Amino acid sequence: MIPGPISLFGLFVSLTNVSIPLIGVHYDFKIKSFAGHITIDQTYKNTETTDLECVYGFPISDQA
């Protein structure tokens, strides 16, 4: 687990903080009046020959 506040964003191996390659991103926006709904699909590829335990970080502002 990453100690302290998450300063990394994306997908990382839990024990080493090595990043996992991001190979695709798809966004979907729906805006109605003063509100919005955003969906982000991210695809990562495990290039290792074994399963990995990972941590995902996506920092977002408290104002969001």
Protein backbone atom coordinates (compact mmCIF):
# COMPACT_ATOMS: atom_id res chain seq x y z
CA MET A 1 0.00 0.00 0.00
CA ILE A 2 1.22 3.51 -0.78
CA PRO A 3 1.99 5.37 2.47
CA GLY A 4 0.63 8.87 2.99
CA PRO A 5 -1.46 10.80 0.49
CA ILE A 6 -1.65 9.35 -3.00
CA SER A 7 0.67 11.41 -5.19
CA LEU A 8 0.63 8.81 -7.95
CA PHE A 9 -2.19 8.32 -10.39
CA GLY A 10 -2.91 5.31 -12.58
CA LEU A 11 -2.34 1.62 -11.85
CA PHE A 12 0.73 0.54 -9.88
CA VAL A 13 2.13 -2.72 -8.47
CA SER A 14 1.40 -2.63 -4.72
CA LEU A 15 4.83 -3.59 -3.42
CA THR A 16 7.06 -1.67 -5.88
CA ASN A 17 4.98 1.26 -7.19
CA VAL A 18 6.00 0.24 -10.73
CA SER A 19 3.37 1.54 -13.16
CA ILE A 20 1.25 -0.76 -15.31
CA PRO A 21 1.02 0.36 -18.98
CA LEU A 22 -2.18 2.19 -19.92
CA ILE A 23 -3.19 1.01 -23.39
CA GLY A 24 -6.59 2.66 -23.88
CA VAL A 25 -8.94 5.35 -22.60
CA HIS A 26 -12.61 6.02 -23.45
CA TYR A 27 -14.59 8.97 -22.09
CA ASP A 28 -18.37 9.43 -22.07
CA PHE A 29 -19.87 12.81 -21.12
CA LYS A 30 -23.49 13.63 -20.42
CA ILE A 31 -24.19 17.26 -19.54
CA LYS A 32 -27.64 18.41 -18.45
CA SER A 33 -28.20 21.96 -17.22
CA PHE A 34 -25.77 22.49 -14.32
CA ALA A 35 -24.88 18.84 -13.78
CA GLY A 36 -22.67 16.40 -15.60
CA HIS A 37 -22.04 12.67 -15.62
CA ILE A 38 -18.62 11.53 -16.80
CA THR A 39 -17.54 7.92 -17.26
CA ILE A 40 -13.88 7.09 -17.88
CA ASP A 41 -12.93 3.57 -18.99
CA GLN A 42 -9.21 2.86 -18.77
CA THR A 43 -7.57 -0.33 -20.04
CA TYR A 44 -4.26 -1.50 -18.60
CA LYS A 45 -2.07 -4.41 -19.77
CA ASN A 46 -0.22 -6.76 -17.44
CA THR A 47 3.00 -7.53 -19.33
CA GLU A 48 4.21 -9.92 -16.60
CA THR A 49 3.75 -13.69 -16.73
CA THR A 50 2.09 -13.80 -13.29
CA ASP A 51 -0.87 -12.11 -11.60
CA LEU A 52 -0.13 -8.80 -9.89
CA GLU A 53 -1.64 -7.09 -6.84
CA CYS A 54 -2.11 -3.47 -7.81
CA VAL A 55 -3.21 -0.11 -6.43
CA TYR A 56 -5.22 2.36 -8.51
CA GLY A 57 -4.96 6.08 -7.85
CA PHE A 58 -7.16 8.74 -9.40
CA PRO A 59 -6.80 11.97 -7.47
CA ILE A 60 -9.83 14.23 -7.65
CA SER A 61 -10.37 17.68 -6.19
CA ASP A 62 -12.61 18.10 -3.14
CA GLN A 63 -14.42 20.73 -5.20
CA ALA A 64 -15.33 18.25 -7.96
